Amino acid sequence: QELKKLSRLASIFSNHVRAQQSGITGEDRVEQYLGYMKSNHVV
């Protein structure tokens, strides 16, 4: 019974972790590509 409750909460927690990881990874890649710009710029 205790593990049933914990599994539900662990799934919610893991979804939050994946969302954060995905967001940061995606933004890191965007920042990398913005570094390929030829024009003078600030990000």
Full PDB file with SEQRES, HELIX, SHEET, SSBOND, CRYST1, ORIGX, SCALE, CONECT and MASTER records, all heavy atoms in Angstrom:
SEQRES   1 A   43  GLN GLU LEU LYS LYS LEU SER ARG LEU ALA SER ILE PHE          
SEQRES   2 A   43  SER ASN HIS VAL ARG ALA GLN GLN SER GLY ILE THR GLY          
SEQRES   3 A   43  GLU ASP ARG VAL GLU GLN TYR LEU GLY TYR MET LYS SER          
SEQRES   4 A   43  ASN HIS VAL VAL                                              
HELIX    1 AA1 GLU A    2  LEU A   34  1                                  33    
CRYST1    1.000    1.000    1.000  90.00  90.00  90.00 P 1           1          
ORIGX1      1.000000  0.000000  0.000000        0.00000                         
ORIGX2      0.000000  1.000000  0.000000        0.00000                         
ORIGX3      0.000000  0.000000  1.000000        0.00000                         
SCALE1      1.000000  0.000000  0.000000        0.00000                         
SCALE2      0.000000  1.000000  0.000000        0.00000                         
SCALE3      0.000000  0.000000  1.000000        0.00000                         
ATOM      1  N   GLN A   1       0.819  -1.203   0.000  1.00  0.00           N  
ATOM      2  CA  GLN A   1       0.000   0.000   0.000  1.00  0.00           C  
ATOM      3  C   GLN A   1       0.858   1.261   0.000  1.00  0.00           C  
ATOM      4  O   GLN A   1       0.575   2.225  -0.710  1.00  0.00           O  
ATOM      5  CB  GLN A   1      -0.937   0.009   1.222  1.00  0.00           C  
ATOM      6  CG  GLN A   1      -2.060  -1.007   1.139  1.00  0.00           C  
ATOM      7  CD  GLN A   1      -2.924  -0.807  -0.103  1.00  0.00           C  
ATOM      8  OE1 GLN A   1      -3.355   0.306  -0.413  1.00  0.00           O  
ATOM      9  NE2 GLN A   1      -3.190  -1.898  -0.819  1.00  0.00           N  
ATOM     10  N   GLU A   2       1.917   1.238   0.803  1.00  0.00           N  
ATOM     11  CA  GLU A   2       2.811   2.386   0.866  1.00  0.00           C  
ATOM     12  C   GLU A   2       3.509   2.621  -0.479  1.00  0.00           C  
ATOM     13  O   GLU A   2       3.665   3.766  -0.924  1.00  0.00           O  
ATOM     14  CB  GLU A   2       3.858   2.192   1.969  1.00  0.00           C  
ATOM     15  CG  GLU A   2       3.330   2.296   3.387  1.00  0.00           C  
ATOM     16  CD  GLU A   2       2.629   1.029   3.867  1.00  0.00           C  
ATOM     17  OE1 GLU A   2       2.582   0.038   3.103  1.00  0.00           O  
ATOM     18  OE2 GLU A   2       2.127   1.031   4.998  1.00  0.00           O  
ATOM     19  N   LEU A   3       3.905   1.537  -1.133  1.00  0.00           N  
ATOM     20  CA  LEU A   3       4.579   1.666  -2.423  1.00  0.00           C  
ATOM     21  C   LEU A   3       3.620   2.120  -3.525  1.00  0.00           C  
ATOM     22  O   LEU A   3       4.031   2.801  -4.466  1.00  0.00           O  
ATOM     23  CB  LEU A   3       5.237   0.339  -2.818  1.00  0.00           C  
ATOM     24  CG  LEU A   3       6.557   0.019  -2.121  1.00  0.00           C  
ATOM     25  CD1 LEU A   3       7.111  -1.312  -2.598  1.00  0.00           C  
ATOM     26  CD2 LEU A   3       7.586   1.124  -2.378  1.00  0.00           C  
ATOM     27  N   LYS A   4       2.353   1.754  -3.396  1.00  0.00           N  
ATOM     28  CA  LYS A   4       1.365   2.201  -4.376  1.00  0.00           C  
ATOM     29  C   LYS A   4       1.241   3.724  -4.336  1.00  0.00           C  
ATOM     30  O   LYS A   4       1.229   4.396  -5.381  1.00  0.00           O  
ATOM     31  CB  LYS A   4       0.008   1.549  -4.084  1.00  0.00           C  
ATOM     32  CG  LYS A   4      -1.069   1.908  -5.094  1.00  0.00           C  
ATOM     33  CD  LYS A   4      -2.376   1.179  -4.779  1.00  0.00           C  
ATOM     34  CE  LYS A   4      -3.460   1.549  -5.790  1.00  0.00           C  
ATOM     35  NZ  LYS A   4      -4.736   0.842  -5.487  1.00  0.00           N  
ATOM     36  N   LYS A   5       1.173   4.278  -3.139  1.00  0.00           N  
ATOM     37  CA  LYS A   5       1.101   5.730  -2.991  1.00  0.00           C  
ATOM     38  C   LYS A   5       2.389   6.381  -3.468  1.00  0.00           C  
ATOM     39  O   LYS A   5       2.381   7.373  -4.200  1.00  0.00           O  
ATOM     40  CB  LYS A   5       0.841   6.094  -1.533  1.00  0.00           C  
ATOM     41  CG  LYS A   5       0.825   7.595  -1.276  1.00  0.00           C  
ATOM     42  CD  LYS A   5       0.564   7.907   0.189  1.00  0.00           C  
ATOM     43  CE  LYS A   5       0.566   9.426   0.413  1.00  0.00           C  
ATOM     44  NZ  LYS A   5       0.308   9.764   1.846  1.00  0.00           N  
ATOM     45  N   LEU A   6       3.529   5.808  -3.059  1.00  0.00           N  
ATOM     46  CA  LEU A   6       4.820   6.375  -3.441  1.00  0.00           C  
ATOM     47  C   LEU A   6       5.021   6.334  -4.950  1.00  0.00           C  
ATOM     48  O   LEU A   6       5.556   7.284  -5.535  1.00  0.00           O  
ATOM     49  CB  LEU A   6       5.956   5.615  -2.741  1.00  0.00           C  
ATOM     50  CG  LEU A   6       7.375   6.074  -3.088  1.00  0.00           C  
ATOM     51  CD1 LEU A   6       7.586   7.537  -2.715  1.00  0.00           C  
ATOM     52  CD2 LEU A   6       8.401   5.191  -2.383  1.00  0.00           C  
ATOM     53  N   SER A   7       4.590   5.264  -5.589  1.00  0.00           N  
ATOM     54  CA  SER A   7       4.752   5.140  -7.047  1.00  0.00           C  
ATOM     55  C   SER A   7       4.017   6.251  -7.780  1.00  0.00           C  
ATOM     56  O   SER A   7       4.524   6.808  -8.766  1.00  0.00           O  
ATOM     57  CB  SER A   7       4.248   3.779  -7.527  1.00  0.00           C  
ATOM     58  OG  SER A   7       5.051   2.733  -7.019  1.00  0.00           O  
ATOM     59  N   ARG A   8       2.824   6.582  -7.302  1.00  0.00           N  
ATOM     60  CA  ARG A   8       2.052   7.667  -7.923  1.00  0.00           C  
ATOM     61  C   ARG A   8       2.798   8.994  -7.800  1.00  0.00           C  
ATOM     62  O   ARG A   8       2.944   9.746  -8.774  1.00  0.00           O  
ATOM     63  CB  ARG A   8       0.670   7.768  -7.260  1.00  0.00           C  
ATOM     64  CG  ARG A   8      -0.162   8.922  -7.765  1.00  0.00           C  
ATOM     65  CD  ARG A   8      -1.520   8.964  -7.079  1.00  0.00           C  
ATOM     66  NE  ARG A   8      -1.419   9.122  -5.647  1.00  0.00           N  
ATOM     67  CZ  ARG A   8      -1.248  10.305  -5.040  1.00  0.00           C  
ATOM     68  NH1 ARG A   8      -1.143  11.416  -5.759  1.00  0.00           N  
ATOM     69  NH2 ARG A   8      -1.185  10.372  -3.722  1.00  0.00           N  
ATOM     70  N   LEU A   9       3.298   9.278  -6.614  1.00  0.00           N  
ATOM     71  CA  LEU A   9       4.012  10.539  -6.396  1.00  0.00           C  
ATOM     72  C   LEU A   9       5.351  10.564  -7.115  1.00  0.00           C  
ATOM     73  O   LEU A   9       5.775  11.597  -7.637  1.00  0.00           O  
ATOM     74  CB  LEU A   9       4.213  10.760  -4.890  1.00  0.00           C  
ATOM     75  CG  LEU A   9       2.925  10.950  -4.081  1.00  0.00           C  
ATOM     76  CD1 LEU A   9       3.229  10.971  -2.591  1.00  0.00           C  
ATOM     77  CD2 LEU A   9       2.214  12.231  -4.493  1.00  0.00           C  
ATOM     78  N   ALA A  10       6.025   9.407  -7.165  1.00  0.00           N  
ATOM     79  CA  ALA A  10       7.317   9.323  -7.858  1.00  0.00           C  
ATOM     80  C   ALA A  10       7.146   9.571  -9.351  1.00  0.00           C  
ATOM     81  O   ALA A  10       8.005  10.166  -9.997  1.00  0.00           O  
ATOM     82  CB  ALA A  10       7.963   7.963  -7.612  1.00  0.00           C  
ATOM     83  N   SER A  11       6.028   9.120  -9.911  1.00  0.00           N  
ATOM     84  CA  SER A  11       5.751   9.346 -11.329  1.00  0.00           C  
ATOM     85  C   SER A  11       5.562  10.842 -11.613  1.00  0.00           C  
ATOM     86  O   SER A  11       6.084  11.371 -12.608  1.00  0.00           O  
ATOM     87  CB  SER A  11       4.498   8.576 -11.749  1.00  0.00           C  
ATOM     88  OG  SER A  11       4.177   8.830 -13.094  1.00  0.00           O  
ATOM     89  N   ILE A  12       4.844  11.534 -10.735  1.00  0.00           N  
ATOM     90  CA  ILE A  12       4.658  12.978 -10.884  1.00  0.00           C  
ATOM     91  C   ILE A  12       5.999  13.692 -10.782  1.00  0.00           C  
ATOM     92  O   ILE A  12       6.321  14.569 -11.587  1.00  0.00           O  
ATOM     93  CB  ILE A  12       3.689  13.508  -9.809  1.00  0.00           C  
ATOM     94  CG1 ILE A  12       2.294  12.885  -9.995  1.00  0.00           C  
ATOM     95  CG2 ILE A  12       3.606  15.024  -9.847  1.00  0.00           C  
ATOM     96  CD1 ILE A  12       1.322  13.205  -8.875  1.00  0.00           C  
ATOM     97  N   PHE A  13       6.797  13.295  -9.795  1.00  0.00           N  
ATOM     98  CA  PHE A  13       8.115  13.900  -9.603  1.00  0.00           C  
ATOM     99  C   PHE A  13       9.000  13.685 -10.833  1.00  0.00           C  
ATOM    100  O   PHE A  13       9.656  14.607 -11.313  1.00  0.00           O  
ATOM    101  CB  PHE A  13       8.777  13.293  -8.363  1.00  0.00           C  
ATOM    102  CG  PHE A  13      10.168  13.794  -8.102  1.00  0.00           C  
ATOM    103  CD1 PHE A  13      10.373  15.007  -7.469  1.00  0.00           C  
ATOM    104  CD2 PHE A  13      11.272  13.053  -8.494  1.00  0.00           C  
ATOM    105  CE1 PHE A  13      11.661  15.476  -7.221  1.00  0.00           C  
ATOM    106  CE2 PHE A  13      12.556  13.513  -8.258  1.00  0.00           C  
ATOM    107  CZ  PHE A  13      12.751  14.733  -7.617  1.00  0.00           C  
ATOM    108  N   SER A  14       9.013  12.471 -11.360  1.00  0.00           N  
ATOM    109  CA  SER A  14       9.845  12.155 -12.520  1.00  0.00           C  
ATOM    110  C   SER A  14       9.422  12.957 -13.740  1.00  0.00           C  
ATOM    111  O   SER A  14      10.261  13.376 -14.551  1.00  0.00           O  
ATOM    112  CB  SER A  14       9.775  10.652 -12.830  1.00  0.00           C  
ATOM    113  OG  SER A  14      10.346   9.894 -11.782  1.00  0.00           O  
ATOM    114  N   ASN A  15       8.116  13.177 -13.901  1.00  0.00           N  
ATOM    115  CA  ASN A  15       7.636  14.001 -15.014  1.00  0.00           C  
ATOM    116  C   ASN A  15       8.152  15.428 -14.896  1.00  0.00           C  
ATOM    117  O   ASN A  15       8.522  16.056 -15.898  1.00  0.00           O  
ATOM    118  CB  ASN A  15       6.107  13.989 -15.063  1.00  0.00           C  
ATOM    119  CG  ASN A  15       5.546  12.668 -15.542  1.00  0.00           C  
ATOM    120  OD1 ASN A  15       6.233  11.898 -16.214  1.00  0.00           O  
ATOM    121  ND2 ASN A  15       4.311  12.384 -15.195  1.00  0.00           N  
ATOM    122  N   HIS A  16       8.178  15.956 -13.674  1.00  0.00           N  
ATOM    123  CA  HIS A  16       8.725  17.296 -13.444  1.00  0.00           C  
ATOM    124  C   HIS A  16      10.208  17.334 -13.797  1.00  0.00           C  
ATOM    125  O   HIS A  16      10.688  18.294 -14.409  1.00  0.00           O  
ATOM    126  CB  HIS A  16       8.522  17.708 -11.989  1.00  0.00           C  
ATOM    127  CG  HIS A  16       7.149  18.202 -11.671  1.00  0.00           C  
ATOM    128  ND1 HIS A  16       6.632  19.350 -12.218  1.00  0.00           N  
ATOM    129  CD2 HIS A  16       6.188  17.710 -10.853  1.00  0.00           C  
ATOM    130  CE1 HIS A  16       5.406  19.557 -11.752  1.00  0.00           C  
ATOM    131  NE2 HIS A  16       5.114  18.569 -10.928  1.00  0.00           N  
ATOM    132  N   VAL A  17      10.941  16.299 -13.387  1.00  0.00           N  
ATOM    133  CA  VAL A  17      12.379  16.242 -13.671  1.00  0.00           C  
ATOM    134  C   VAL A  17      12.618  16.225 -15.178  1.00  0.00           C  
ATOM    135  O   VAL A  17      13.453  16.965 -15.699  1.00  0.00           O  
ATOM    136  CB  VAL A  17      13.027  15.007 -13.011  1.00  0.00           C  
ATOM    137  CG1 VAL A  17      14.476  14.839 -13.484  1.00  0.00           C  
ATOM    138  CG2 VAL A  17      12.987  15.137 -11.490  1.00  0.00           C  
ATOM    139  N   ARG A  18      11.871  15.354 -15.879  1.00  0.00           N  
ATOM    140  CA  ARG A  18      12.056  15.262 -17.337  1.00  0.00           C  
ATOM    141  C   ARG A  18      11.717  16.574 -18.021  1.00  0.00           C  
ATOM    142  O   ARG A  18      12.390  16.983 -18.979  1.00  0.00           O  
ATOM    143  CB  ARG A  18      11.198  14.121 -17.891  1.00  0.00           C  
ATOM    144  CG  ARG A  18      11.771  12.734 -17.624  1.00  0.00           C  
ATOM    145  CD  ARG A  18      11.053  11.680 -18.450  1.00  0.00           C  
ATOM    146  NE  ARG A  18       9.679  11.513 -18.039  1.00  0.00           N  
ATOM    147  CZ  ARG A  18       9.285  10.646 -17.101  1.00  0.00           C  
ATOM    148  NH1 ARG A  18      10.170   9.884 -16.491  1.00  0.00           N  
ATOM    149  NH2 ARG A  18       8.006  10.536 -16.784  1.00  0.00           N  
ATOM    150  N   ALA A  19      10.667  17.239 -17.552  1.00  0.00           N  
ATOM    151  CA  ALA A  19      10.285  18.516 -18.157  1.00  0.00           C  
ATOM    152  C   ALA A  19      11.378  19.561 -17.959  1.00  0.00           C  
ATOM    153  O   ALA A  19      11.717  20.310 -18.889  1.00  0.00           O  
ATOM    154  CB  ALA A  19       8.968  19.012 -17.551  1.00  0.00           C  
ATOM    155  N   GLN A  20      11.951  19.609 -16.766  1.00  0.00           N  
ATOM    156  CA  GLN A  20      13.035  20.552 -16.503  1.00  0.00           C  
ATOM    157  C   GLN A  20      14.261  20.227 -17.343  1.00  0.00           C  
ATOM    158  O   GLN A  20      14.884  21.116 -17.928  1.00  0.00           O  
ATOM    159  CB  GLN A  20      13.401  20.527 -15.015  1.00  0.00           C  
ATOM    160  CG  GLN A  20      12.404  21.217 -14.117  1.00  0.00           C  
ATOM    161  CD  GLN A  20      12.369  22.714 -14.341  1.00  0.00           C  
ATOM    162  OE1 GLN A  20      13.384  23.368 -14.447  1.00  0.00           O  
ATOM    163  NE2 GLN A  20      11.166  23.268 -14.404  1.00  0.00           N  
ATOM    164  N   GLN A  21      14.600  18.941 -17.402  1.00  0.00           N  
ATOM    165  CA  GLN A  21      15.770  18.536 -18.176  1.00  0.00           C  
ATOM    166  C   GLN A  21      15.581  18.850 -19.651  1.00  0.00           C  
ATOM    167  O   GLN A  21      16.501  19.346 -20.319  1.00  0.00           O  
ATOM    168  CB  GLN A  21      16.032  17.042 -17.984  1.00  0.00           C  
ATOM    169  CG  GLN A  21      16.546  16.677 -16.604  1.00  0.00           C  
ATOM    170  CD  GLN A  21      16.630  15.181 -16.389  1.00  0.00           C  
ATOM    171  OE1 GLN A  21      15.887  14.405 -17.005  1.00  0.00           O  
ATOM    172  NE2 GLN A  21      17.512  14.755 -15.511  1.00  0.00           N  
ATOM    173  N   SER A  22      14.386  18.561 -20.168  1.00  0.00           N  
ATOM    174  CA  SER A  22      14.100  18.820 -21.571  1.00  0.00           C  
ATOM    175  C   SER A  22      14.170  20.306 -21.881  1.00  0.00           C  
ATOM    176  O   SER A  22      14.749  20.724 -22.892  1.00  0.00           O  
ATOM    177  CB  SER A  22      12.715  18.274 -21.933  1.00  0.00           C  
ATOM    178  OG  SER A  22      12.358  18.619 -23.253  1.00  0.00           O  
ATOM    179  N   GLY A  23      13.591  21.126 -21.000  1.00  0.00           N  
ATOM    180  CA  GLY A  23      13.600  22.559 -21.218  1.00  0.00           C  
ATOM    181  C   GLY A  23      15.002  23.136 -21.217  1.00  0.00           C  
ATOM    182  O   GLY A  23      15.367  23.926 -22.097  1.00  0.00           O  
ATOM    183  N   ILE A  24      15.800  22.726 -20.244  1.00  0.00           N  
ATOM    184  CA  ILE A  24      17.166  23.246 -20.147  1.00  0.00           C  
ATOM    185  C   ILE A  24      18.010  22.761 -21.312  1.00  0.00           C  
ATOM    186  O   ILE A  24      18.779  23.527 -21.910  1.00  0.00           O  
ATOM    187  CB  ILE A  24      17.790  22.844 -18.797  1.00  0.00           C  
ATOM    188  CG1 ILE A  24      17.086  23.591 -17.659  1.00  0.00           C  
ATOM    189  CG2 ILE A  24      19.290  23.134 -18.784  1.00  0.00           C  
ATOM    190  CD1 ILE A  24      17.524  23.174 -16.284  1.00  0.00           C  
ATOM    191  N   THR A  25      17.873  21.467 -21.666  1.00  0.00           N  
ATOM    192  CA  THR A  25      18.645  20.931 -22.781  1.00  0.00           C  
ATOM    193  C   THR A  25      18.296  21.651 -24.074  1.00  0.00           C  
ATOM    194  O   THR A  25      19.177  22.013 -24.864  1.00  0.00           O  
ATOM    195  CB  THR A  25      18.388  19.421 -22.940  1.00  0.00           C  
ATOM    196  OG1 THR A  25      18.790  18.753 -21.747  1.00  0.00           O  
ATOM    197  CG2 THR A  25      19.172  18.857 -24.113  1.00  0.00           C  
ATOM    198  N   GLY A  26      16.999  21.864 -24.302  1.00  0.00           N  
ATOM    199  CA  GLY A  26      16.566  22.561 -25.504  1.00  0.00           C  
ATOM    200  C   GLY A  26      17.092  23.982 -25.561  1.00  0.00           C  
ATOM    201  O   GLY A  26      17.582  24.437 -26.597  1.00  0.00           O  
ATOM    202  N   GLU A  27      17.033  24.689 -24.449  1.00  0.00           N  
ATOM    203  CA  GLU A  27      17.522  26.061 -24.417  1.00  0.00           C  
ATOM    204  C   GLU A  27      19.033  26.123 -24.577  1.00  0.00           C  
ATOM    205  O   GLU A  27      19.568  27.041 -25.207  1.00  0.00           O  
ATOM    206  CB  GLU A  27      17.079  26.730 -23.114  1.00  0.00           C  
ATOM    207  CG  GLU A  27      15.584  27.005 -23.061  1.00  0.00           C  
ATOM    208  CD  GLU A  27      15.151  27.623 -21.753  1.00  0.00           C  
ATOM    209  OE1 GLU A  27      16.038  27.903 -20.912  1.00  0.00           O  
ATOM    210  OE2 GLU A  27      13.939  27.825 -21.557  1.00  0.00           O  
ATOM    211  N   ASP A  28      19.744  25.153 -24.007  1.00  0.00           N  
ATOM    212  CA  ASP A  28      21.200  25.104 -24.183  1.00  0.00           C  
ATOM    213  C   ASP A  28      21.561  24.947 -25.662  1.00  0.00           C  
ATOM    214  O   ASP A  28      22.508  25.570 -26.158  1.00  0.00           O  
ATOM    215  CB  ASP A  28      21.807  23.955 -23.379  1.00  0.00           C  
ATOM    216  CG  ASP A  28      21.847  24.245 -21.881  1.00  0.00           C  
ATOM    217  OD1 ASP A  28      21.678  25.412 -21.492  1.00  0.00           O  
ATOM    218  OD2 ASP A  28      22.058  23.295 -21.108  1.00  0.00           O  
ATOM    219  N   ARG A  29      20.799  24.118 -26.362  1.00  0.00           N  
ATOM    220  CA  ARG A  29      21.066  23.909 -27.789  1.00  0.00           C  
ATOM    221  C   ARG A  29      20.761  25.171 -28.585  1.00  0.00           C  
ATOM    222  O   ARG A  29      21.496  25.521 -29.513  1.00  0.00           O  
ATOM    223  CB  ARG A  29      20.241  22.733 -28.313  1.00  0.00           C  
ATOM    224  CG  ARG A  29      20.636  21.381 -27.729  1.00  0.00           C  
ATOM    225  CD  ARG A  29      19.819  20.276 -28.350  1.00  0.00           C  
ATOM    226  NE  ARG A  29      20.121  20.131 -29.782  1.00  0.00           N  
ATOM    227  CZ  ARG A  29      19.316  19.539 -30.643  1.00  0.00           C  
ATOM    228  NH1 ARG A  29      18.134  19.068 -30.239  1.00  0.00           N  
ATOM    229  NH2 ARG A  29      19.656  19.416 -31.913  1.00  0.00           N  
ATOM    230  N   VAL A  30      19.676  25.850 -28.225  1.00  0.00           N  
ATOM    231  CA  VAL A  30      19.345  27.103 -28.908  1.00  0.00           C  
ATOM    232  C   VAL A  30      20.457  28.121 -28.690  1.00  0.00           C  
ATOM    233  O   VAL A  30      20.884  28.809 -29.639  1.00  0.00           O  
ATOM    234  CB  VAL A  30      17.995  27.655 -28.410  1.00  0.00           C  
ATOM    235  CG1 VAL A  30      17.783  29.082 -28.910  1.00  0.00           C  
ATOM    236  CG2 VAL A  30      16.847  26.758 -28.877  1.00  0.00           C  
ATOM    237  N   GLU A  31      20.932  28.238 -27.467  1.00  0.00           N  
ATOM    238  CA  GLU A  31      22.006  29.185 -27.181  1.00  0.00           C  
ATOM    239  C   GLU A  31      23.262  28.853 -27.985  1.00  0.00           C  
ATOM    240  O   GLU A  31      23.956  29.748 -28.473  1.00  0.00           O  
ATOM    241  CB  GLU A  31      22.324  29.184 -25.685  1.00  0.00           C  
ATOM    242  CG  GLU A  31      23.249  30.303 -25.263  1.00  0.00           C  
ATOM    243  CD  GLU A  31      23.248  30.511 -23.762  1.00  0.00           C  
ATOM    244  OE1 GLU A  31      23.215  29.503 -23.021  1.00  0.00           O  
ATOM    245  OE2 GLU A  31      23.295  31.671 -23.330  1.00  0.00           O  
ATOM    246  N   GLN A  32      23.534  27.557 -28.130  1.00  0.00           N  
ATOM    247  CA  GLN A  32      24.680  27.139 -28.936  1.00  0.00           C  
ATOM    248  C   GLN A  32      24.519  27.594 -30.388  1.00  0.00           C  
ATOM    249  O   GLN A  32      25.449  28.134 -30.989  1.00  0.00           O  
ATOM    250  CB  GLN A  32      24.836  25.624 -28.875  1.00  0.00           C  
ATOM    251  CG  GLN A  32      25.940  25.080 -29.755  1.00  0.00           C  
ATOM    252  CD  GLN A  32      25.945  23.555 -29.807  1.00  0.00           C  
ATOM    253  OE1 GLN A  32      25.174  22.887 -29.120  1.00  0.00           O  
ATOM    254  NE2 GLN A  32      26.799  22.997 -30.643  1.00  0.00           N  
ATOM    255  N   TYR A  33      23.343  27.375 -30.952  1.00  0.00           N  
ATOM    256  CA  TYR A  33      23.113  27.747 -32.350  1.00  0.00           C  
ATOM    257  C   TYR A  33      23.114  29.263 -32.548  1.00  0.00           C  
ATOM    258  O   TYR A  33      23.545  29.749 -33.599  1.00  0.00           O  
ATOM    259  CB  TYR A  33      21.801  27.144 -32.855  1.00  0.00           C  
ATOM    260  CG  TYR A  33      21.979  25.746 -33.410  1.00  0.00           C  
ATOM    261  CD1 TYR A  33      22.036  24.643 -32.565  1.00  0.00           C  
ATOM    262  CD2 TYR A  33      22.113  25.531 -34.777  1.00  0.00           C  
ATOM    263  CE1 TYR A  33      22.215  23.366 -33.066  1.00  0.00           C  
ATOM    264  CE2 TYR A  33      22.288  24.253 -35.291  1.00  0.00           C  
ATOM    265  CZ  TYR A  33      22.338  23.173 -34.429  1.00  0.00           C  
ATOM    266  OH  TYR A  33      22.531  21.908 -34.928  1.00  0.00           O  
ATOM    267  N   LEU A  34      22.642  30.004 -31.559  1.00  0.00           N  
ATOM    268  CA  LEU A  34      22.681  31.452 -31.673  1.00  0.00           C  
ATOM    269  C   LEU A  34      24.128  31.954 -31.747  1.00  0.00           C  
ATOM    270  O   LEU A  34      24.397  33.023 -32.304  1.00  0.00           O  
ATOM    271  CB  LEU A  34      21.957  32.111 -30.489  1.00  0.00           C  
ATOM    272  CG  LEU A  34      20.430  31.982 -30.500  1.00  0.00           C  
ATOM    273  CD1 LEU A  34      19.849  32.530 -29.201  1.00  0.00           C  
ATOM    274  CD2 LEU A  34      19.823  32.707 -31.702  1.00  0.00           C  
ATOM    275  N   GLY A  35      25.034  31.166 -31.219  1.00  0.00           N  
ATOM    276  CA  GLY A  35      26.447  31.509 -31.305  1.00  0.00           C  
ATOM    277  C   GLY A  35      26.999  31.432 -32.712  1.00  0.00           C  
ATOM    278  O   GLY A  35      28.099  31.931 -32.987  1.00  0.00           O  
ATOM    279  N   TYR A  36      26.241  30.817 -33.634  1.00  0.00           N  
ATOM    280  CA  TYR A  36      26.667  30.722 -35.032  1.00  0.00           C  
ATOM    281  C   TYR A  36      26.262  31.942 -35.850  1.00  0.00           C  
ATOM    282  O   TYR A  36      26.589  32.037 -37.033  1.00  0.00           O  
ATOM    283  CB  TYR A  36      26.067  29.471 -35.687  1.00  0.00           C  
ATOM    284  CG  TYR A  36      26.458  28.172 -35.022  1.00  0.00           C  
ATOM    285  CD1 TYR A  36      25.589  27.079 -35.034  1.00  0.00           C  
ATOM    286  CD2 TYR A  36      27.672  28.023 -34.377  1.00  0.00           C  
ATOM    287  CE1 TYR A  36      25.925  25.882 -34.434  1.00  0.00           C  
ATOM    288  CE2 TYR A  36      28.022  26.836 -33.758  1.00  0.00           C  
ATOM    289  CZ  TYR A  36      27.144  25.765 -33.787  1.00  0.00           C  
ATOM    290  OH  TYR A  36      27.488  24.581 -33.188  1.00  0.00           O  
ATOM    291  N   MET A  37      25.555  32.880 -35.239  1.00  0.00           N  
ATOM    292  CA  MET A  37      25.145  34.079 -35.968  1.00  0.00           C  
ATOM    293  C   MET A  37      26.371  34.874 -36.426  1.00  0.00           C  
ATOM    294  O   MET A  37      27.375  34.972 -35.713  1.00  0.00           O  
ATOM    295  CB  MET A  37      24.249  34.958 -35.092  1.00  0.00           C  
ATOM    296  CG  MET A  37      22.837  34.439 -34.904  1.00  0.00           C  
ATOM    297  SD  MET A  37      21.865  35.507 -33.795  1.00  0.00           S  
ATOM    298  CE  MET A  37      21.962  37.079 -34.655  1.00  0.00           C  
ATOM    299  N   LYS A  38      26.283  35.449 -37.609  1.00  0.00           N  
ATOM    300  CA  LYS A  38      27.392  36.225 -38.163  1.00  0.00           C  
ATOM    301  C   LYS A  38      27.295  37.702 -37.811  1.00  0.00           C  
ATOM    302  O   LYS A  38      28.307  38.398 -37.763  1.00  0.00           O  
ATOM    303  CB  LYS A  38      27.434  36.049 -39.681  1.00  0.00           C  
ATOM    304  CG  LYS A  38      27.728  34.617 -40.114  1.00  0.00           C  
ATOM    305  CD  LYS A  38      27.746  34.490 -41.632  1.00  0.00           C  
ATOM    306  CE  LYS A  38      28.041  33.058 -42.053  1.00  0.00           C  
ATOM    307  NZ  LYS A  38      28.055  32.902 -43.540  1.00  0.00           N  
ATOM    308  N   SER A  39      26.086  38.175 -37.586  1.00  0.00           N  
ATOM    309  CA  SER A  39      25.914  39.598 -37.263  1.00  0.00           C  
ATOM    310  C   SER A  39      26.263  39.865 -35.801  1.00  0.00           C  
ATOM    311  O   SER A  39      26.189  38.983 -34.945  1.00  0.00           O  
ATOM    312  CB  SER A  39      24.473  40.030 -37.541  1.00  0.00           C  
ATOM    313  OG  SER A  39      23.562  39.207 -36.828  1.00  0.00           O  
ATOM    314  N   ASN A  40      26.641  41.099 -35.534  1.00  0.00           N  
ATOM    315  CA  ASN A  40      26.934  41.529 -34.180  1.00  0.00           C  
ATOM    316  C   ASN A  40      25.643  41.498 -33.359  1.00  0.00           C  
ATOM    317  O   ASN A  40      24.630  42.073 -33.761  1.00  0.00           O  
ATOM    318  CB  ASN A  40      27.520  42.947 -34.214  1.00  0.00           C  
ATOM    319  CG  ASN A  40      28.067  43.355 -32.868  1.00  0.00           C  
ATOM    320  OD1 ASN A  40      28.424  42.512 -32.062  1.00  0.00           O  
ATOM    321  ND2 ASN A  40      28.119  44.655 -32.622  1.00  0.00           N  
ATOM    322  N   HIS A  41      25.658  40.842 -32.216  1.00  0.00           N  
ATOM    323  CA  HIS A  41      24.416  40.671 -31.461  1.00  0.00           C  
ATOM    324  C   HIS A  41      24.708  40.449 -29.980  1.00  0.00           C  
ATOM    325  O   HIS A  41      25.829  40.135 -29.587  1.00  0.00           O  
ATOM    326  CB  HIS A  41      23.611  39.487 -32.012  1.00  0.00           C  
ATOM    327  CG  HIS A  41      24.272  38.160 -31.767  1.00  0.00           C  
ATOM    328  ND1 HIS A  41      25.303  37.693 -32.563  1.00  0.00           N  
ATOM    329  CD2 HIS A  41      24.057  37.209 -30.817  1.00  0.00           C  
ATOM    330  CE1 HIS A  41      25.687  36.513 -32.114  1.00  0.00           C  
ATOM    331  NE2 HIS A  41      24.949  36.201 -31.063  1.00  0.00           N  
ATOM    332  N   VAL A  42      23.652  40.581 -29.184  1.00  0.00           N  
ATOM    333  CA  VAL A  42      23.683  40.272 -27.751  1.00  0.00           C  
ATOM    334  C   VAL A  42      22.483  39.382 -27.450  1.00  0.00           C  
ATOM    335  O   VAL A  42      21.373  39.639 -27.937  1.00  0.00           O  
ATOM    336  CB  VAL A  42      23.620  41.545 -26.886  1.00  0.00           C  
ATOM    337  CG1 VAL A  42      23.552  41.188 -25.400  1.00  0.00           C  
ATOM    338  CG2 VAL A  42      24.828  42.432 -27.148  1.00  0.00           C  
ATOM    339  N   VAL A  43      22.693  38.330 -26.660  1.00  0.00           N  
ATOM    340  CA  VAL A  43      21.631  37.373 -26.332  1.00  0.00           C  
ATOM    341  C   VAL A  43      21.283  37.478 -24.847  1.00  0.00           C  
ATOM    342  O   VAL A  43      22.171  37.428 -23.991  1.00  0.00           O  
ATOM    343  CB  VAL A  43      22.055  35.929 -26.658  1.00  0.00           C  
ATOM    344  CG1 VAL A  43      20.971  34.939 -26.193  1.00  0.00           C  
ATOM    345  CG2 VAL A  43      22.318  35.764 -28.146  1.00  0.00           C  
TER     346      VAL A  43                                                      
MASTER        0    0    0    1    0    0    0    6  345    1    0    4          
END                                                                             
